[in-house]
PDB file of N, CA and C in Angstrom:
ATOM      1  N   MET A   1     -11.184  -2.698 -11.602  1.00  0.00           N
ATOM      2  CA  MET A   1     -10.663  -4.047 -11.567  1.00  0.00           C
ATOM      3  C   MET A   1      -9.150  -4.019 -11.793  1.00  0.00           C
ATOM      4  N   CYS A   2      -8.437  -4.819 -11.056  1.00  0.00           N
ATOM      5  CA  CYS A   2      -6.985  -4.839 -11.186  1.00  0.00           C
ATOM      6  C   CYS A   2      -6.525  -6.118 -11.882  1.00  0.00           C
ATOM      7  N   THR A   3      -5.319  -6.070 -12.394  1.00  0.00           N
ATOM      8  CA  THR A   3      -4.734  -7.235 -13.044  1.00  0.00           C
ATOM      9  C   THR A   3      -4.126  -8.158 -11.988  1.00  0.00           C
ATOM     10  N   LYS A   4      -3.748  -9.357 -12.418  1.00  0.00           N
ATOM     11  CA  LYS A   4      -3.125 -10.311 -11.507  1.00  0.00           C
ATOM     12  C   LYS A   4      -1.817  -9.742 -10.953  1.00  0.00           C
ATOM     13  N   LYS A   5      -1.041  -9.076 -11.795  1.00  0.00           N
ATOM     14  CA  LYS A   5       0.228  -8.487 -11.348  1.00  0.00           C
ATOM     15  C   LYS A   5      -0.008  -7.379 -10.325  1.00  0.00           C
ATOM     16  N   GLU A   6      -1.017  -6.563 -10.549  1.00  0.00           N
ATOM     17  CA  GLU A   6      -1.339  -5.489  -9.597  1.00  0.00           C
ATOM     18  C   GLU A   6      -1.794  -6.080  -8.270  1.00  0.00           C
ATOM     19  N   LEU A   7      -2.561  -7.146  -8.322  1.00  0.00           N
ATOM     20  CA  LEU A   7      -3.022  -7.806  -7.106  1.00  0.00           C
ATOM     21  C   LEU A   7      -1.843  -8.393  -6.334  1.00  0.00           C
ATOM     22  N   GLN A   8      -0.950  -9.080  -7.033  1.00  0.00           N
ATOM     23  CA  GLN A   8       0.229  -9.641  -6.379  1.00  0.00           C
ATOM     24  C   GLN A   8       1.095  -8.549  -5.761  1.00  0.00           C
ATOM     25  N   PHE A   9       1.246  -7.445  -6.471  1.00  0.00           N
ATOM     26  CA  PHE A   9       2.031  -6.319  -5.973  1.00  0.00           C
ATOM     27  C   PHE A   9       1.388  -5.724  -4.724  1.00  0.00           C
ATOM     28  N   SER A  10       0.067  -5.563  -4.751  1.00  0.00           N
ATOM     29  CA  SER A  10      -0.620  -4.984  -3.592  1.00  0.00           C
ATOM     30  C   SER A  10      -0.493  -5.899  -2.376  1.00  0.00           C
ATOM     31  N   ILE A  11      -0.558  -7.202  -2.572  1.00  0.00           N
ATOM     32  CA  ILE A  11      -0.388  -8.141  -1.455  1.00  0.00           C
ATOM     33  C   ILE A  11       1.024  -8.027  -0.893  1.00  0.00           C
ATOM     34  N   PHE A  12       2.012  -7.949  -1.775  1.00  0.00           N
ATOM     35  CA  PHE A  12       3.400  -7.749  -1.362  1.00  0.00           C
ATOM     36  C   PHE A  12       3.519  -6.485  -0.505  1.00  0.00           C
ATOM     37  N   LEU A  13       2.918  -5.396  -0.966  1.00  0.00           N
ATOM     38  CA  LEU A  13       2.974  -4.137  -0.220  1.00  0.00           C
ATOM     39  C   LEU A  13       2.259  -4.237   1.125  1.00  0.00           C
ATOM     40  N   ILE A  14       1.105  -4.863   1.134  1.00  0.00           N
ATOM     41  CA  ILE A  14       0.333  -4.989   2.372  1.00  0.00           C
ATOM     42  C   ILE A  14       1.145  -5.727   3.437  1.00  0.00           C
ATOM     43  N   TYR A  15       1.805  -6.799   3.054  1.00  0.00           N
ATOM     44  CA  TYR A  15       2.595  -7.551   4.030  1.00  0.00           C
ATOM     45  C   TYR A  15       3.821  -6.765   4.501  1.00  0.00           C
ATOM     46  N   ASN A  16       4.445  -6.012   3.620  1.00  0.00           N
ATOM     47  CA  ASN A  16       5.584  -5.187   4.029  1.00  0.00           C
ATOM     48  C   ASN A  16       5.135  -4.025   4.909  1.00  0.00           C
ATOM     49  N   LEU A  17       3.992  -3.434   4.592  1.00  0.00           N
ATOM     50  CA  LEU A  17       3.458  -2.365   5.437  1.00  0.00           C
ATOM     51  C   LEU A  17       3.031  -2.916   6.794  1.00  0.00           C
ATOM     52  N   ALA A  18       2.479  -4.101   6.819  1.00  0.00           N
ATOM     53  CA  ALA A  18       2.066  -4.722   8.082  1.00  0.00           C
ATOM     54  C   ALA A  18       3.262  -4.908   9.004  1.00  0.00           C
ATOM     55  N   GLU A  19       4.372  -5.313   8.439  1.00  0.00           N
ATOM     56  CA  GLU A  19       5.584  -5.479   9.237  1.00  0.00           C
ATOM     57  C   GLU A  19       6.059  -4.124   9.778  1.00  0.00           C
ATOM     58  N   LYS A  20       6.074  -3.118   8.920  1.00  0.00           N
ATOM     59  CA  LYS A  20       6.514  -1.773   9.318  1.00  0.00           C
ATOM     60  C   LYS A  20       5.581  -1.159  10.359  1.00  0.00           C
ATOM     61  N   TRP A  21       4.275  -1.294  10.126  1.00  0.00           N
ATOM     62  CA  TRP A  21       3.279  -0.679  11.002  1.00  0.00           C
ATOM     63  C   TRP A  21       2.974  -1.531  12.232  1.00  0.00           C
ATOM     64  N   GLN A  22       3.513  -2.733  12.287  1.00  0.00           N
ATOM     65  CA  GLN A  22       3.262  -3.683  13.371  1.00  0.00           C
ATOM     66  C   GLN A  22       1.766  -3.928  13.543  1.00  0.00           C
ATOM     67  N   LYS A  23       1.129  -4.223  12.402  1.00  0.00           N
ATOM     68  CA  LYS A  23      -0.300  -4.522  12.373  1.00  0.00           C
ATOM     69  C   LYS A  23      -0.522  -5.791  11.568  1.00  0.00           C
ATOM     70  N   GLN A  24      -1.700  -6.336  11.677  1.00  0.00           N
ATOM     71  CA  GLN A  24      -2.068  -7.494  10.872  1.00  0.00           C
ATOM     72  C   GLN A  24      -2.320  -7.045   9.428  1.00  0.00           C
ATOM     73  N   PRO A  25      -1.996  -7.880   8.461  1.00  0.00           N
ATOM     74  CA  PRO A  25      -2.249  -7.525   7.062  1.00  0.00           C
ATOM     75  C   PRO A  25      -3.702  -7.120   6.792  1.00  0.00           C
ATOM     76  N   ALA A  26      -4.645  -7.739   7.454  1.00  0.00           N
ATOM     77  CA  ALA A  26      -6.064  -7.387   7.265  1.00  0.00           C
ATOM     78  C   ALA A  26      -6.325  -5.947   7.698  1.00  0.00           C
ATOM     79  N   ASP A  27      -5.666  -5.514   8.768  1.00  0.00           N
ATOM     80  CA  ASP A  27      -5.826  -4.134   9.234  1.00  0.00           C
ATOM     81  C   ASP A  27      -5.191  -3.137   8.262  1.00  0.00           C
ATOM     82  N   VAL A  28      -4.061  -3.516   7.689  1.00  0.00           N
ATOM     83  CA  VAL A  28      -3.400  -2.665   6.699  1.00  0.00           C
ATOM     84  C   VAL A  28      -4.288  -2.542   5.468  1.00  0.00           C
ATOM     85  N   TYR A  29      -4.831  -3.670   5.016  1.00  0.00           N
ATOM     86  CA  TYR A  29      -5.738  -3.645   3.866  1.00  0.00           C
ATOM     87  C   TYR A  29      -6.914  -2.706   4.138  1.00  0.00           C
ATOM     88  N   LYS A  30      -7.484  -2.822   5.319  1.00  0.00           N
ATOM     89  CA  LYS A  30      -8.630  -1.978   5.682  1.00  0.00           C
ATOM     90  C   LYS A  30      -8.241  -0.498   5.625  1.00  0.00           C
ATOM     91  N   THR A  31      -7.089  -0.154   6.159  1.00  0.00           N
ATOM     92  CA  THR A  31      -6.614   1.231   6.136  1.00  0.00           C
ATOM     93  C   THR A  31      -6.420   1.728   4.707  1.00  0.00           C
ATOM     94  N   LEU A  32      -5.759   0.923   3.880  1.00  0.00           N
ATOM     95  CA  LEU A  32      -5.507   1.318   2.494  1.00  0.00           C
ATOM     96  C   LEU A  32      -6.800   1.440   1.701  1.00  0.00           C
ATOM     97  N   ASN A  33      -7.738   0.573   2.000  1.00  0.00           N
ATOM     98  CA  ASN A  33      -9.027   0.602   1.304  1.00  0.00           C
ATOM     99  C   ASN A  33      -9.863   1.805   1.738  1.00  0.00           C
ATOM    100  N   GLU A  34      -9.919   2.062   3.030  1.00  0.00           N
ATOM    101  CA  GLU A  34     -10.723   3.171   3.553  1.00  0.00           C
ATOM    102  C   GLU A  34     -10.189   4.533   3.123  1.00  0.00           C
ATOM    103  N   THR A  35      -8.890   4.642   2.940  1.00  0.00           N
ATOM    104  CA  THR A  35      -8.289   5.913   2.521  1.00  0.00           C
ATOM    105  C   THR A  35      -8.183   6.019   0.999  1.00  0.00           C
ATOM    106  N   ASN A  36      -8.658   5.008   0.303  1.00  0.00           N
ATOM    107  CA  ASN A  36      -8.624   4.933  -1.170  1.00  0.00           C
ATOM    108  C   ASN A  36      -7.213   4.884  -1.743  1.00  0.00           C
ATOM    109  N   ILE A  37      -6.240   4.596  -0.909  1.00  0.00           N
ATOM    110  CA  ILE A  37      -4.863   4.497  -1.384  1.00  0.00           C
ATOM    111  C   ILE A  37      -4.706   3.284  -2.293  1.00  0.00           C
ATOM    112  N   LEU A  38      -5.393   2.226  -1.973  1.00  0.00           N
ATOM    113  CA  LEU A  38      -5.279   1.013  -2.773  1.00  0.00           C
ATOM    114  C   LEU A  38      -5.770   1.245  -4.202  1.00  0.00           C
ATOM    115  N   ASP A  39      -6.968   1.756  -4.349  1.00  0.00           N
ATOM    116  CA  ASP A  39      -7.544   1.954  -5.678  1.00  0.00           C
ATOM    117  C   ASP A  39      -6.990   3.173  -6.407  1.00  0.00           C
ATOM    118  N   ASN A  40      -6.811   4.274  -5.693  1.00  0.00           N
ATOM    119  CA  ASN A  40      -6.446   5.531  -6.345  1.00  0.00           C
ATOM    120  C   ASN A  40      -4.954   5.828  -6.387  1.00  0.00           C
ATOM    121  N   TYR A  41      -4.147   4.981  -5.783  1.00  0.00           N
ATOM    122  CA  TYR A  41      -2.700   5.198  -5.827  1.00  0.00           C
ATOM    123  C   TYR A  41      -1.957   3.930  -6.241  1.00  0.00           C
ATOM    124  N   ILE A  42      -2.111   2.867  -5.467  1.00  0.00           N
ATOM    125  CA  ILE A  42      -1.337   1.653  -5.735  1.00  0.00           C
ATOM    126  C   ILE A  42      -1.702   1.041  -7.086  1.00  0.00           C
ATOM    127  N   PHE A  43      -2.983   0.871  -7.363  1.00  0.00           N
ATOM    128  CA  PHE A  43      -3.386   0.282  -8.642  1.00  0.00           C
ATOM    129  C   PHE A  43      -3.167   1.250  -9.802  1.00  0.00           C
ATOM    130  N   VAL A  44      -3.512   2.506  -9.601  1.00  0.00           N
ATOM    131  CA  VAL A  44      -3.390   3.505 -10.670  1.00  0.00           C
ATOM    132  C   VAL A  44      -1.919   3.740 -11.046  1.00  0.00           C
ATOM    133  N   CYS A  45      -1.048   3.754 -10.062  1.00  0.00           N
ATOM    134  CA  CYS A  45       0.369   4.051 -10.301  1.00  0.00           C
ATOM    135  C   CYS A  45       1.244   2.799 -10.333  1.00  0.00           C
ATOM    136  N   TYR A  46       0.638   1.651 -10.515  1.00  0.00           N
ATOM    137  CA  TYR A  46       1.377   0.385 -10.508  1.00  0.00           C
ATOM    138  C   TYR A  46       2.592   0.414 -11.431  1.00  0.00           C
ATOM    139  N   ASP A  47       2.423   0.911 -12.655  1.00  0.00           N
ATOM    140  CA  ASP A  47       3.516   0.901 -13.631  1.00  0.00           C
ATOM    141  C   ASP A  47       4.777   1.581 -13.104  1.00  0.00           C
ATOM    142  N   THR A  48       4.603   2.626 -12.327  1.00  0.00           N
ATOM    143  CA  THR A  48       5.751   3.326 -11.744  1.00  0.00           C
ATOM    144  C   THR A  48       6.167   2.701 -10.420  1.00  0.00           C
ATOM    145  N   LEU A  49       5.205   2.428  -9.560  1.00  0.00           N
ATOM    146  CA  LEU A  49       5.512   1.945  -8.218  1.00  0.00           C
ATOM    147  C   LEU A  49       6.258   0.616  -8.209  1.00  0.00           C
ATOM    148  N   HIS A  50       5.897  -0.299  -9.103  1.00  0.00           N
ATOM    149  CA  HIS A  50       6.527  -1.620  -9.049  1.00  0.00           C
ATOM    150  C   HIS A  50       8.001  -1.598  -9.445  1.00  0.00           C
ATOM    151  N   THR A  51       8.480  -0.470  -9.934  1.00  0.00           N
ATOM    152  CA  THR A  51       9.899  -0.363 -10.293  1.00  0.00           C
ATOM    153  C   THR A  51      10.741   0.175  -9.136  1.00  0.00           C
ATOM    154  N   LEU A  52      10.101   0.577  -8.056  1.00  0.00           N
ATOM    155  CA  LEU A  52      10.792   1.198  -6.926  1.00  0.00           C
ATOM    156  C   LEU A  52      11.170   0.157  -5.873  1.00  0.00           C
ATOM    157  N   GLY A  53      12.097   0.510  -5.019  1.00  0.00           N
ATOM    158  CA  GLY A  53      12.536  -0.385  -3.949  1.00  0.00           C
ATOM    159  C   GLY A  53      11.512  -0.503  -2.837  1.00  0.00           C
ATOM    160  N   THR A  54      11.563  -1.606  -2.148  1.00  0.00           N
ATOM    161  CA  THR A  54      10.606  -1.902  -1.080  1.00  0.00           C
ATOM    162  C   THR A  54      10.645  -0.857   0.026  1.00  0.00           C
ATOM    163  N   GLU A  55      11.825  -0.512   0.485  1.00  0.00           N
ATOM    164  CA  GLU A  55      11.950   0.454   1.584  1.00  0.00           C
ATOM    165  C   GLU A  55      11.344   1.798   1.198  1.00  0.00           C
ATOM    166  N   TYR A  56      11.633   2.255  -0.012  1.00  0.00           N
ATOM    167  CA  TYR A  56      11.079   3.522  -0.482  1.00  0.00           C
ATOM    168  C   TYR A  56       9.559   3.445  -0.559  1.00  0.00           C
ATOM    169  N   LEU A  57       9.038   2.357  -1.093  1.00  0.00           N
ATOM    170  CA  LEU A  57       7.583   2.192  -1.221  1.00  0.00           C
ATOM    171  C   LEU A  57       6.894   2.226   0.137  1.00  0.00           C
ATOM    172  N   VAL A  58       7.457   1.504   1.080  1.00  0.00           N
ATOM    173  CA  VAL A  58       6.866   1.456   2.426  1.00  0.00           C
ATOM    174  C   VAL A  58       6.851   2.846   3.042  1.00  0.00           C
ATOM    175  N   GLU A  59       7.941   3.573   2.924  1.00  0.00           N
ATOM    176  CA  GLU A  59       8.000   4.931   3.479  1.00  0.00           C
ATOM    177  C   GLU A  59       7.038   5.867   2.755  1.00  0.00           C
ATOM    178  N   ASP A  60       6.985   5.766   1.446  1.00  0.00           N
ATOM    179  CA  ASP A  60       6.107   6.613   0.641  1.00  0.00           C
ATOM    180  C   ASP A  60       4.637   6.382   0.993  1.00  0.00           C
ATOM    181  N   ILE A  61       4.238   5.142   1.058  1.00  0.00           N
ATOM    182  CA  ILE A  61       2.838   4.835   1.352  1.00  0.00           C
ATOM    183  C   ILE A  61       2.512   5.156   2.802  1.00  0.00           C
ATOM    184  N   THR A  62       3.454   4.965   3.699  1.00  0.00           N
ATOM    185  CA  THR A  62       3.247   5.331   5.102  1.00  0.00           C
ATOM    186  C   THR A  62       2.993   6.831   5.224  1.00  0.00           C
ATOM    187  N   GLU A  63       3.814   7.612   4.566  1.00  0.00           N
ATOM    188  CA  GLU A  63       3.645   9.070   4.602  1.00  0.00           C
ATOM    189  C   GLU A  63       2.301   9.483   3.990  1.00  0.00           C
ATOM    190  N   TYR A  64       1.965   8.877   2.878  1.00  0.00           N
ATOM    191  CA  TYR A  64       0.694   9.190   2.206  1.00  0.00           C
ATOM    192  C   TYR A  64      -0.493   8.815   3.084  1.00  0.00           C
ATOM    193  N   ALA A  65      -0.415   7.671   3.748  1.00  0.00           N
ATOM    194  CA  ALA A  65      -1.492   7.245   4.644  1.00  0.00           C
ATOM    195  C   ALA A  65      -1.654   8.236   5.801  1.00  0.00           C
ATOM    196  N   ARG A  66      -0.549   8.719   6.330  1.00  0.00           N
ATOM    197  CA  ARG A  66      -0.615   9.718   7.411  1.00  0.00           C
ATOM    198  C   ARG A  66      -1.245  11.004   6.925  1.00  0.00           C
ATOM    199  N   GLU A  67      -0.906  11.424   5.689  1.00  0.00           N
ATOM    200  CA  GLU A  67      -1.512  12.619   5.124  1.00  0.00           C
ATOM    201  C   GLU A  67      -3.026  12.455   4.963  1.00  0.00           C
ATOM    202  N   LYS A  68      -3.453  11.224   4.747  1.00  0.00           N
ATOM    203  CA  LYS A  68      -4.888  10.931   4.592  1.00  0.00           C
ATOM    204  C   LYS A  68      -5.573  10.766   5.942  1.00  0.00           C
ATOM    205  N   GLY A  69      -4.821  10.879   7.031  1.00  0.00           N
ATOM    206  CA  GLY A  69      -5.403  10.811   8.352  1.00  0.00           C
ATOM    207  C   GLY A  69      -5.379   9.442   9.016  1.00  0.00           C
ATOM    208  N   ALA A  70      -4.684   8.498   8.422  1.00  0.00           N
ATOM    209  CA  ALA A  70      -4.612   7.164   8.994  1.00  0.00           C
ATOM    210  C   ALA A  70      -3.607   7.127  10.148  1.00  0.00           C
ATOM    211  N   ALA A  71      -3.925   6.392  11.175  1.00  0.00           N
ATOM    212  CA  ALA A  71      -3.037   6.245  12.325  1.00  0.00           C
ATOM    213  C   ALA A  71      -2.108   5.061  12.078  1.00  0.00           C
ATOM    214  N   VAL A  72      -0.964   5.363  11.483  1.00  0.00           N
ATOM    215  CA  VAL A  72       0.008   4.296  11.190  1.00  0.00           C
ATOM    216  C   VAL A  72       1.342   4.638  11.790  1.00  0.00           C
TER     217      VAL A  72
END
């Protein structure tokens, strides 16, 4: 279970990734959920991730998603 702040942060990330990946936010959510990035990275590392810049976060998560085999 995530906190309200973690949920708000994940929504922020999903919309920024959707813009970068040129996909719908629902598709980005599905990708992050299927690769366990949402639960095992974004929520777990929230304390560190939320202090980083948007551009860095988008690039970091994009690279991680590719390593997990996602087509982004």
